[in-house]
Amino acid sequence: MKESDILKKRNENSKKALVRDRDVLTRLVKQSHAGAESKLCITKYFEIYVAEQILKDRKLSPEAVRTGIVGGGDDGGIDSLFLFADQELVDDCNSSNFLNRQNRVEIELVLIQSKFSHKSPLTAIQKLALNLPELLNLESQPESASNKYDVRIVNTLLRFQDLRTSLADKFPSVKIRIYYVTMGHLNAEDIEHPESQITGHIQNAIPMCDFNFQFLGASDFLRLIRKSPYLSLTISFENTLISNDDEGSYVMLVGLRQFYAFVSDENRDMRPYLYDSNVRAWQGDTRVNDQIRQSLDTLPVKDFWWLNNGVTIIASKVHNNGKSLTLENPSIVNGLQTTNAIHQYFSQCGMDESDNRRVLVRIFTVTEEDEEKSREHIIRATNSHNRVKKESLRALDEIHYEIETYLNTRDKPFFYERRDRYYANQHVPRDRIVSIKVLTQAFLATVLLRPDDAMGRPGDYLETSYDEKYSSVFTKNYDRELYHFCSQFHHNLVMLLRQANKFSDITFASRNRIRFHIMSHIVLQFLGLRRVQVSPPLTLLANKAVADISDACMLYSARRVVKLYTDMKIQSPRLSGKQFEAAVIADSDALLT
């Protein structure tokens, strides 16, 4: 393929990705807007939504976020404006608290532009570039500025200047962060000129300022939404700490009471972001979990850590404080069942000060640079020795976050269970839950037309060592609607097959066993093509909807495949999946000749 053709193809894929991500983001915002108490129009609500996501590490209350929303006719090109000193929001009530501090203070100004528009005009950023010199020098003529700009903007920027001036002898560090968030698309060269203007204005007004400008399109903002808020927690340990200083790895024994405190928030609930990277959600009353709970309820012959594999935690940074470690962005990647059992036990039984039992904790430092590779390696290594489903080790790939968001935000959502039992634990109706395995099976039968693989070997497409097979099902090149098509199609067929009065000759178990062969037969009849003519099928389904497949078409194929199966089973009780697949495809082809 020529280099020009490769570049053209890449640009086409980028445009498709933008449309897809914009659609998902629009659905997310509308879903959040529908559930909000405020009756603001969606464009105004988008300003709040963006500010909440950008500032989620600051742990601001909803009311505090809303005080920074300043967009309007006299906003000077600013939709949201926030002033922080030492990570604390500065307002009229507390600004004087920072003036007498003896230590060096970090002052930070955050400006946000939020555009719920697909066109993403440059006028907003150009407006900010034009007004910034005056906005950064308001103290020279505050009265005229008050007539020109929103009083909230004027007051915040005057407080910013007042802090800098009053703390000048402490040499405060000054940061300015500007975010331009849009639903649309702008090329880097489009914003290059206004960005360089803004940079120049800030460098002239505040020479030693730490300045950063971030442009976030729909795809970038989606990644920000998925990112967990910053978290810093301290965990105490007992006796000896085994460490590898070169790699930032630690092994230690932690008292059960101390571990319970580590994983609990101020309401004594489990901290949700701690286990976001775990390959499985809480599995409930399984045999293993019952054994863990039993070892907590009874006085064991050995300490708890002798009877349990322990917990593995990764963190972006680890600080050794002597008898405790402070972890930045900690995440439990193995041992969630143990963690839940410990949390459940102390929540129900209370804290016994005489309880000196301990749990084994392993901690790995994973830097941002090595995060994706190291995180994946540690998660797979620490989980592979347990009985973990194949699909669970793939669950943290970004593609599955994207599918989950897309399916969850449909008008009638499906809940994509990346992590085993995550939605089941929330009592979501079973028929609205789609597991990774079922989606893989439905995709194989519907899109790749491999019903035998769908029924007998879906795990091959989820094995960590079979990347080629995996990427034939899960890749960013596919429109996310294709996964919704497969999910809805599978759901509709299962509902049809449950109607025993339509299939009196065969049990539901047998119907269910051949459902993927039925799906392939239906698709070929729906498209009016023989399988040899389908290469590839993706483009054929691109503009189709499940609703286009009539009930009559589904029932006709289902009855033919069911009859074919019963007839072949009579003749050959040991009927293989490959033989049946060939017969199903041959039957479909014969109907089209």
Foldseek 3Di string as FASTA:
>chain_A
DDPVVVVVVVVVLVVLLLVQLLVLVVLVLVVVQVPDPDPDDSFLVQLLVLQCLVCVLLVDDSVVSVLQQFDDDQALLFGGKFKDKQSHTDDPPCLVVPLPDPAAIAIEIETEAEEADAVPDCVSLLSNLVCVLCLLVCVVPVVVSVVRHPVSSSVVNVSSVVSCVSCVVNVHAYEYEYEYEYSHDDDPVVCVVSVVSNVVSCCVSPVRHHYDYYYHYSVNVVVSNPDDHKDKFKAFFDDDWDADVVFGKIKTKGFLVRLQVRQADPVSDGDVQQAPQALAAAPPPDPVLVVLLVPVVDPDPDFSQVVDPFWEKEAQDWDDPPRMIMGISIHTHPCNSNSVSSSVCCVVPPDDPVRGGIHMYMYGHAHPVRNPVVVLVVSCVVPVVDPDQLLSSVLPPVLNVSLQSVQQSDPLHAHECSHHCPVVVVVDPPLSYDYPLQLLLLCCLAFVVDNLCSLPPSSCLRHPVNVVSVCVRGDSSANSVSSVQSSVLLSVLLVVLVPCVLPVPDDSVVLVSRVSLLNNLLNCVLLLHQPVPPDGCRVVCVPPHNPSRDPVSSSVSSVVLSVVVVVVCVVPVPDHSVNSSVVSSVVSVVVND
